[in-house]
Amino acid sequence: SNTPVKVAVALGAQRLIILPTGYACALQLPPRGAV
């Protein structure tokens, strides 16, 4: 659960402010290398 939205709601949250992490924009070229 990278962004634990379901966890927050299960704990009673009615209003969430989400800080996305790990998002990548579309690239012009493929990344270099397997990793």
PDB file of all heavy atoms in Angstrom:
ATOM      1  N   SER A   1       0.842  -1.195   0.000  1.00  0.00           N
ATOM      2  CA  SER A   1       0.000   0.000   0.000  1.00  0.00           C
ATOM      3  C   SER A   1       0.876   1.243   0.000  1.00  0.00           C
ATOM      4  O   SER A   1       1.142   1.822   1.053  1.00  0.00           O
ATOM      5  CB  SER A   1      -0.913  -0.013   1.231  1.00  0.00           C
ATOM      6  OG  SER A   1      -1.800   1.067   1.199  1.00  0.00           O
ATOM      7  N   ASN A   2       1.311   1.669  -1.193  1.00  0.00           N
ATOM      8  CA  ASN A   2       2.216   2.813  -1.269  1.00  0.00           C
ATOM      9  C   ASN A   2       1.597   4.077  -0.683  1.00  0.00           C
ATOM     10  O   ASN A   2       2.243   4.820   0.025  1.00  0.00           O
ATOM     11  CB  ASN A   2       2.647   3.069  -2.713  1.00  0.00           C
ATOM     12  CG  ASN A   2       3.720   4.131  -2.776  1.00  0.00           C
ATOM     13  OD1 ASN A   2       4.809   3.929  -2.263  1.00  0.00           O
ATOM     14  ND2 ASN A   2       3.412   5.267  -3.357  1.00  0.00           N
ATOM     15  N   THR A   3       0.350   4.327  -1.005  1.00  0.00           N
ATOM     16  CA  THR A   3      -0.380   5.450  -0.422  1.00  0.00           C
ATOM     17  C   THR A   3      -1.569   4.826   0.309  1.00  0.00           C
ATOM     18  O   THR A   3      -2.558   4.475  -0.317  1.00  0.00           O
ATOM     19  CB  THR A   3      -0.862   6.424  -1.515  1.00  0.00           C
ATOM     20  OG1 THR A   3       0.261   6.774  -2.338  1.00  0.00           O
ATOM     21  CG2 THR A   3      -1.448   7.680  -0.904  1.00  0.00           C
ATOM     22  N   PRO A   4      -1.459   4.656   1.620  1.00  0.00           N
ATOM     23  CA  PRO A   4      -2.461   3.865   2.362  1.00  0.00           C
ATOM     24  C   PRO A   4      -3.812   4.556   2.538  1.00  0.00           C
ATOM     25  O   PRO A   4      -4.275   4.798   3.647  1.00  0.00           O
ATOM     26  CB  PRO A   4      -1.762   3.586   3.689  1.00  0.00           C
ATOM     27  CG  PRO A   4      -0.773   4.687   3.849  1.00  0.00           C
ATOM     28  CD  PRO A   4      -0.363   5.098   2.468  1.00  0.00           C
ATOM     29  N   VAL A   5      -4.465   4.836   1.428  1.00  0.00           N
ATOM     30  CA  VAL A   5      -5.770   5.479   1.436  1.00  0.00           C
ATOM     31  C   VAL A   5      -6.787   4.605   2.160  1.00  0.00           C
ATOM     32  O   VAL A   5      -7.529   5.081   3.024  1.00  0.00           O
ATOM     33  CB  VAL A   5      -6.218   5.765  -0.019  1.00  0.00           C
ATOM     34  CG1 VAL A   5      -7.663   6.200  -0.082  1.00  0.00           C
ATOM     35  CG2 VAL A   5      -5.305   6.799  -0.663  1.00  0.00           C
ATOM     36  N   LYS A   6      -6.830   3.319   1.832  1.00  0.00           N
ATOM     37  CA  LYS A   6      -7.794   2.413   2.454  1.00  0.00           C
ATOM     38  C   LYS A   6      -7.569   2.305   3.963  1.00  0.00           C
ATOM     39  O   LYS A   6      -8.525   2.203   4.731  1.00  0.00           O
ATOM     40  CB  LYS A   6      -7.708   1.028   1.819  1.00  0.00           C
ATOM     41  CG  LYS A   6      -8.226   0.971   0.396  1.00  0.00           C
ATOM     42  CD  LYS A   6      -8.096  -0.426  -0.157  1.00  0.00           C
ATOM     43  CE  LYS A   6      -8.509  -0.498  -1.602  1.00  0.00           C
ATOM     44  NZ  LYS A   6      -8.310  -1.829  -2.171  1.00  0.00           N
ATOM     45  N   VAL A   7      -6.325   2.337   4.384  1.00  0.00           N
ATOM     46  CA  VAL A   7      -6.000   2.283   5.819  1.00  0.00           C
ATOM     47  C   VAL A   7      -6.584   3.507   6.513  1.00  0.00           C
ATOM     48  O   VAL A   7      -7.228   3.391   7.562  1.00  0.00           O
ATOM     49  CB  VAL A   7      -4.473   2.190   6.046  1.00  0.00           C
ATOM     50  CG1 VAL A   7      -4.116   2.357   7.514  1.00  0.00           C
ATOM     51  CG2 VAL A   7      -3.936   0.865   5.507  1.00  0.00           C
ATOM     52  N   ALA A   8      -6.373   4.686   5.944  1.00  0.00           N
ATOM     53  CA  ALA A   8      -6.873   5.926   6.549  1.00  0.00           C
ATOM     54  C   ALA A   8      -8.394   5.911   6.649  1.00  0.00           C
ATOM     55  O   ALA A   8      -8.961   6.266   7.688  1.00  0.00           O
ATOM     56  CB  ALA A   8      -6.397   7.127   5.739  1.00  0.00           C
ATOM     57  N   VAL A   9      -9.065   5.474   5.596  1.00  0.00           N
ATOM     58  CA  VAL A   9     -10.532   5.431   5.599  1.00  0.00           C
ATOM     59  C   VAL A   9     -11.029   4.401   6.614  1.00  0.00           C
ATOM     60  O   VAL A   9     -11.982   4.654   7.352  1.00  0.00           O
ATOM     61  CB  VAL A   9     -11.074   5.159   4.180  1.00  0.00           C
ATOM     62  CG1 VAL A   9     -12.567   4.886   4.199  1.00  0.00           C
ATOM     63  CG2 VAL A   9     -10.747   6.338   3.261  1.00  0.00           C
ATOM     64  N   ALA A  10     -10.380   3.253   6.696  1.00  0.00           N
ATOM     65  CA  ALA A  10     -10.770   2.227   7.668  1.00  0.00           C
ATOM     66  C   ALA A  10     -10.619   2.731   9.107  1.00  0.00           C
ATOM     67  O   ALA A  10     -11.348   2.301   9.995  1.00  0.00           O
ATOM     68  CB  ALA A  10      -9.938   0.962   7.471  1.00  0.00           C
ATOM     69  N   LEU A  11      -9.698   3.665   9.316  1.00  0.00           N
ATOM     70  CA  LEU A  11      -9.503   4.245  10.642  1.00  0.00           C
ATOM     71  C   LEU A  11     -10.445   5.416  10.908  1.00  0.00           C
ATOM     72  O   LEU A  11     -10.375   6.048  11.952  1.00  0.00           O
ATOM     73  CB  LEU A  11      -8.045   4.690  10.819  1.00  0.00           C
ATOM     74  CG  LEU A  11      -7.030   3.549  10.905  1.00  0.00           C
ATOM     75  CD1 LEU A  11      -5.612   4.074  10.773  1.00  0.00           C
ATOM     76  CD2 LEU A  11      -7.206   2.783  12.215  1.00  0.00           C
ATOM     77  N   GLY A  12     -11.314   5.731   9.938  1.00  0.00           N
ATOM     78  CA  GLY A  12     -12.328   6.757  10.158  1.00  0.00           C
ATOM     79  C   GLY A  12     -12.100   8.079   9.445  1.00  0.00           C
ATOM     80  O   GLY A  12     -12.873   9.017   9.631  1.00  0.00           O
ATOM     81  N   ALA A  13     -11.078   8.199   8.626  1.00  0.00           N
ATOM     82  CA  ALA A  13     -10.825   9.456   7.927  1.00  0.00           C
ATOM     83  C   ALA A  13     -11.967   9.762   6.959  1.00  0.00           C
ATOM     84  O   ALA A  13     -12.428   8.892   6.238  1.00  0.00           O
ATOM     85  CB  ALA A  13      -9.501   9.387   7.169  1.00  0.00           C
ATOM     86  N   GLN A  14     -12.421  11.008   6.969  1.00  0.00           N
ATOM     87  CA  GLN A  14     -13.465  11.477   6.063  1.00  0.00           C
ATOM     88  C   GLN A  14     -12.915  12.463   5.035  1.00  0.00           C
ATOM     89  O   GLN A  14     -13.561  12.757   4.045  1.00  0.00           O
ATOM     90  CB  GLN A  14     -14.582  12.171   6.863  1.00  0.00           C
ATOM     91  CG  GLN A  14     -15.325  11.240   7.793  1.00  0.00           C
ATOM     92  CD  GLN A  14     -16.181  10.256   7.008  1.00  0.00           C
ATOM     93  OE1 GLN A  14     -16.941  10.639   6.129  1.00  0.00           O
ATOM     94  NE2 GLN A  14     -16.056   8.986   7.320  1.00  0.00           N
ATOM     95  N   ARG A  15     -11.708  12.972   5.319  1.00  0.00           N
ATOM     96  CA  ARG A  15     -11.061  13.963   4.448  1.00  0.00           C
ATOM     97  C   ARG A  15      -9.579  13.618   4.379  1.00  0.00           C
ATOM     98  O   ARG A  15      -8.904  13.526   5.408  1.00  0.00           O
ATOM     99  CB  ARG A  15     -11.250  15.353   5.027  1.00  0.00           C
ATOM    100  CG  ARG A  15     -10.746  16.464   4.169  1.00  0.00           C
ATOM    101  CD  ARG A  15     -11.161  17.797   4.771  1.00  0.00           C
ATOM    102  NE  ARG A  15     -10.931  18.850   3.812  1.00  0.00           N
ATOM    103  CZ  ARG A  15     -10.222  19.929   4.076  1.00  0.00           C
ATOM    104  NH1 ARG A  15      -9.699  20.102   5.280  1.00  0.00           N
ATOM    105  NH2 ARG A  15     -10.050  20.853   3.163  1.00  0.00           N
ATOM    106  N   LEU A  16      -9.077  13.423   3.177  1.00  0.00           N
ATOM    107  CA  LEU A  16      -7.693  13.019   2.984  1.00  0.00           C
ATOM    108  C   LEU A  16      -6.947  14.074   2.174  1.00  0.00           C
ATOM    109  O   LEU A  16      -7.492  14.611   1.209  1.00  0.00           O
ATOM    110  CB  LEU A  16      -7.622  11.694   2.216  1.00  0.00           C
ATOM    111  CG  LEU A  16      -8.422  10.522   2.773  1.00  0.00           C
ATOM    112  CD1 LEU A  16      -8.419   9.381   1.770  1.00  0.00           C
ATOM    113  CD2 LEU A  16      -7.836  10.083   4.085  1.00  0.00           C
ATOM    114  N   ILE A  17      -5.728  14.346   2.567  1.00  0.00           N
ATOM    115  CA  ILE A  17      -4.824  15.164   1.769  1.00  0.00           C
ATOM    116  C   ILE A  17      -3.690  14.231   1.386  1.00  0.00           C
ATOM    117  O   ILE A  17      -2.936  13.766   2.232  1.00  0.00           O
ATOM    118  CB  ILE A  17      -4.326  16.393   2.548  1.00  0.00           C
ATOM    119  CG1 ILE A  17      -5.524  17.257   2.950  1.00  0.00           C
ATOM    120  CG2 ILE A  17      -3.322  17.185   1.700  1.00  0.00           C
ATOM    121  CD1 ILE A  17      -5.196  18.414   3.847  1.00  0.00           C
ATOM    122  N   ILE A  18      -3.593  13.936   0.101  1.00  0.00           N
ATOM    123  CA  ILE A  18      -2.696  12.897  -0.402  1.00  0.00           C
ATOM    124  C   ILE A  18      -1.450  13.528  -1.002  1.00  0.00           C
ATOM    125  O   ILE A  18      -1.538  14.398  -1.868  1.00  0.00           O
ATOM    126  CB  ILE A  18      -3.431  12.031  -1.442  1.00  0.00           C
ATOM    127  CG1 ILE A  18      -4.645  11.371  -0.765  1.00  0.00           C
ATOM    128  CG2 ILE A  18      -2.494  11.013  -2.066  1.00  0.00           C
ATOM    129  CD1 ILE A  18      -5.640  10.802  -1.728  1.00  0.00           C
ATOM    130  N   LEU A  19      -0.307  13.060  -0.525  1.00  0.00           N
ATOM    131  CA  LEU A  19       0.989  13.483  -1.043  1.00  0.00           C
ATOM    132  C   LEU A  19       1.556  12.329  -1.851  1.00  0.00           C
ATOM    133  O   LEU A  19       2.175  11.425  -1.302  1.00  0.00           O
ATOM    134  CB  LEU A  19       1.940  13.837   0.108  1.00  0.00           C
ATOM    135  CG  LEU A  19       1.416  14.841   1.130  1.00  0.00           C
ATOM    136  CD1 LEU A  19       2.287  14.859   2.364  1.00  0.00           C
ATOM    137  CD2 LEU A  19       1.322  16.214   0.510  1.00  0.00           C
ATOM    138  N   PRO A  20       1.338  12.296  -3.159  1.00  0.00           N
ATOM    139  CA  PRO A  20       1.822  11.167  -3.959  1.00  0.00           C
ATOM    140  C   PRO A  20       3.349  11.075  -3.943  1.00  0.00           C
ATOM    141  O   PRO A  20       4.031  12.094  -3.964  1.00  0.00           O
ATOM    142  CB  PRO A  20       1.324  11.467  -5.369  1.00  0.00           C
ATOM    143  CG  PRO A  20       0.426  12.631  -5.265  1.00  0.00           C
ATOM    144  CD  PRO A  20       0.674  13.304  -3.967  1.00  0.00           C
ATOM    145  N   THR A  21       3.835   9.869  -3.897  1.00  0.00           N
ATOM    146  CA  THR A  21       5.279   9.654  -3.948  1.00  0.00           C
ATOM    147  C   THR A  21       5.590   8.694  -5.078  1.00  0.00           C
ATOM    148  O   THR A  21       4.772   7.865  -5.453  1.00  0.00           O
ATOM    149  CB  THR A  21       5.799   9.053  -2.627  1.00  0.00           C
ATOM    150  OG1 THR A  21       5.141   7.805  -2.417  1.00  0.00           O
ATOM    151  CG2 THR A  21       5.556   9.969  -1.456  1.00  0.00           C
ATOM    152  N   GLY A  22       6.767   8.814  -5.622  1.00  0.00           N
ATOM    153  CA  GLY A  22       7.205   7.864  -6.625  1.00  0.00           C
ATOM    154  C   GLY A  22       6.578   8.024  -7.984  1.00  0.00           C
ATOM    155  O   GLY A  22       6.691   7.154  -8.815  1.00  0.00           O
ATOM    156  N   TYR A  23       5.907   9.144  -8.249  1.00  0.00           N
ATOM    157  CA  TYR A  23       5.265   9.321  -9.545  1.00  0.00           C
ATOM    158  C   TYR A  23       6.294   9.754 -10.579  1.00  0.00           C
ATOM    159  O   TYR A  23       7.133  10.600 -10.326  1.00  0.00           O
ATOM    160  CB  TYR A  23       4.149  10.361  -9.464  1.00  0.00           C
ATOM    161  CG  TYR A  23       3.510  10.600 -10.793  1.00  0.00           C
ATOM    162  CD1 TYR A  23       2.714   9.623 -11.355  1.00  0.00           C
ATOM    163  CD2 TYR A  23       3.742  11.752 -11.504  1.00  0.00           C
ATOM    164  CE1 TYR A  23       2.137   9.806 -12.596  1.00  0.00           C
ATOM    165  CE2 TYR A  23       3.167  11.949 -12.741  1.00  0.00           C
ATOM    166  CZ  TYR A  23       2.362  10.970 -13.286  1.00  0.00           C
ATOM    167  OH  TYR A  23       1.810  11.152 -14.510  1.00  0.00           O
ATOM    168  N   ALA A  24       6.216   9.170 -11.752  1.00  0.00           N
ATOM    169  CA  ALA A  24       7.102   9.551 -12.853  1.00  0.00           C
ATOM    170  C   ALA A  24       6.274  10.045 -14.021  1.00  0.00           C
ATOM    171  O   ALA A  24       5.285   9.425 -14.392  1.00  0.00           O
ATOM    172  CB  ALA A  24       7.953   8.367 -13.298  1.00  0.00           C
ATOM    173  N   CYS A  25       6.686  11.143 -14.589  1.00  0.00           N
ATOM    174  CA  CYS A  25       6.038  11.658 -15.789  1.00  0.00           C
ATOM    175  C   CYS A  25       6.381  10.748 -16.962  1.00  0.00           C
ATOM    176  O   CYS A  25       7.349   9.994 -16.912  1.00  0.00           O
ATOM    177  CB  CYS A  25       6.555  13.063 -16.095  1.00  0.00           C
ATOM    178  SG  CYS A  25       6.291  14.235 -14.763  1.00  0.00           S
ATOM    179  N   ALA A  26       5.597  10.862 -18.014  1.00  0.00           N
ATOM    180  CA  ALA A  26       5.924  10.129 -19.236  1.00  0.00           C
ATOM    181  C   ALA A  26       7.294  10.606 -19.710  1.00  0.00           C
ATOM    182  O   ALA A  26       7.599  11.790 -19.652  1.00  0.00           O
ATOM    183  CB  ALA A  26       4.863  10.380 -20.295  1.00  0.00           C
ATOM    184  N   LEU A  27       8.100   9.694 -20.151  1.00  0.00           N
ATOM    185  CA  LEU A  27       9.465  10.016 -20.572  1.00  0.00           C
ATOM    186  C   LEU A  27       9.537  10.163 -22.088  1.00  0.00           C
ATOM    187  O   LEU A  27       8.717   9.602 -22.815  1.00  0.00           O
ATOM    188  CB  LEU A  27      10.423   8.910 -20.129  1.00  0.00           C
ATOM    189  CG  LEU A  27      10.462   8.606 -18.634  1.00  0.00           C
ATOM    190  CD1 LEU A  27      11.393   7.421 -18.371  1.00  0.00           C
ATOM    191  CD2 LEU A  27      10.903   9.824 -17.847  1.00  0.00           C
ATOM    192  N   GLN A  28      10.553  10.898 -22.560  1.00  0.00           N
ATOM    193  CA  GLN A  28      10.788  11.009 -23.997  1.00  0.00           C
ATOM    194  C   GLN A  28      11.470   9.757 -24.520  1.00  0.00           C
ATOM    195  O   GLN A  28      11.196   9.315 -25.623  1.00  0.00           O
ATOM    196  CB  GLN A  28      11.690  12.205 -24.276  1.00  0.00           C
ATOM    197  CG  GLN A  28      10.935  13.429 -24.702  1.00  0.00           C
ATOM    198  CD  GLN A  28      11.890  14.481 -25.236  1.00  0.00           C
ATOM    199  OE1 GLN A  28      12.942  14.736 -24.674  1.00  0.00           O
ATOM    200  NE2 GLN A  28      11.503  15.092 -26.331  1.00  0.00           N
ATOM    201  N   LEU A  29      12.361   9.194 -23.711  1.00  0.00           N
ATOM    202  CA  LEU A  29      13.118   8.004 -24.082  1.00  0.00           C
ATOM    203  C   LEU A  29      13.052   6.993 -22.946  1.00  0.00           C
ATOM    204  O   LEU A  29      12.874   7.378 -21.789  1.00  0.00           O
ATOM    205  CB  LEU A  29      14.590   8.366 -24.345  1.00  0.00           C
ATOM    206  CG  LEU A  29      14.858   9.353 -25.480  1.00  0.00           C
ATOM    207  CD1 LEU A  29      16.313   9.803 -25.448  1.00  0.00           C
ATOM    208  CD2 LEU A  29      14.523   8.706 -26.816  1.00  0.00           C
ATOM    209  N   PRO A  30      13.222   5.717 -23.244  1.00  0.00           N
ATOM    210  CA  PRO A  30      13.229   4.722 -22.168  1.00  0.00           C
ATOM    211  C   PRO A  30      14.394   4.978 -21.194  1.00  0.00           C
ATOM    212  O   PRO A  30      15.439   5.484 -21.602  1.00  0.00           O
ATOM    213  CB  PRO A  30      13.433   3.395 -22.888  1.00  0.00           C
ATOM    214  CG  PRO A  30      13.141   3.663 -24.322  1.00  0.00           C
ATOM    215  CD  PRO A  30      13.401   5.101 -24.561  1.00  0.00           C
ATOM    216  N   PRO A  31      14.209   4.640 -19.934  1.00  0.00           N
ATOM    217  CA  PRO A  31      15.317   4.759 -18.987  1.00  0.00           C
ATOM    218  C   PRO A  31      16.488   3.892 -19.437  1.00  0.00           C
ATOM    219  O   PRO A  31      16.293   2.888 -20.130  1.00  0.00           O
ATOM    220  CB  PRO A  31      14.723   4.248 -17.670  1.00  0.00           C
ATOM    221  CG  PRO A  31      13.256   4.346 -17.840  1.00  0.00           C
ATOM    222  CD  PRO A  31      12.993   4.147 -19.305  1.00  0.00           C
ATOM    223  N   ARG A  32      17.686   4.261 -18.995  1.00  0.00           N
ATOM    224  CA  ARG A  32      18.880   3.514 -19.382  1.00  0.00           C
ATOM    225  C   ARG A  32      19.216   2.503 -18.308  1.00  0.00           C
ATOM    226  O   ARG A  32      19.414   2.865 -17.162  1.00  0.00           O
ATOM    227  CB  ARG A  32      20.049   4.458 -19.591  1.00  0.00           C
ATOM    228  CG  ARG A  32      19.760   5.453 -20.701  1.00  0.00           C
ATOM    229  CD  ARG A  32      20.894   6.371 -20.882  1.00  0.00           C
ATOM    230  NE  ARG A  32      21.702   5.841 -21.978  1.00  0.00           N
ATOM    231  CZ  ARG A  32      22.804   6.395 -22.397  1.00  0.00           C
ATOM    232  NH1 ARG A  32      23.266   7.466 -21.814  1.00  0.00           N
ATOM    233  NH2 ARG A  32      23.467   5.860 -23.404  1.00  0.00           N
ATOM    234  N   GLY A  33      19.226   1.249 -18.683  1.00  0.00           N
ATOM    235  CA  GLY A  33      19.620   0.185 -17.766  1.00  0.00           C
ATOM    236  C   GLY A  33      18.434  -0.521 -17.152  1.00  0.00           C
ATOM    237  O   GLY A  33      17.317   0.004 -17.076  1.00  0.00           O
ATOM    238  N   ALA A  34      18.699  -1.732 -16.709  1.00  0.00           N
ATOM    239  CA  ALA A  34      17.646  -2.587 -16.153  1.00  0.00           C
ATOM    240  C   ALA A  34      17.045  -1.999 -14.878  1.00  0.00           C
ATOM    241  O   ALA A  34      15.823  -1.993 -14.709  1.00  0.00           O
ATOM    242  CB  ALA A  34      18.201  -3.987 -15.882  1.00  0.00           C
ATOM    243  N   VAL A  35      17.872  -1.506 -13.978  1.00  0.00           N
ATOM    244  CA  VAL A  35      17.365  -0.961 -12.711  1.00  0.00           C
ATOM    245  C   VAL A  35      16.513   0.277 -12.974  1.00  0.00           C
ATOM    246  O   VAL A  35      15.419   0.423 -12.417  1.00  0.00           O
ATOM    247  CB  VAL A  35      18.526  -0.650 -11.737  1.00  0.00           C
ATOM    248  CG1 VAL A  35      18.027   0.079 -10.510  1.00  0.00           C
ATOM    249  CG2 VAL A  35      19.236  -1.937 -11.333  1.00  0.00           C
TER     250      VAL A  35
END
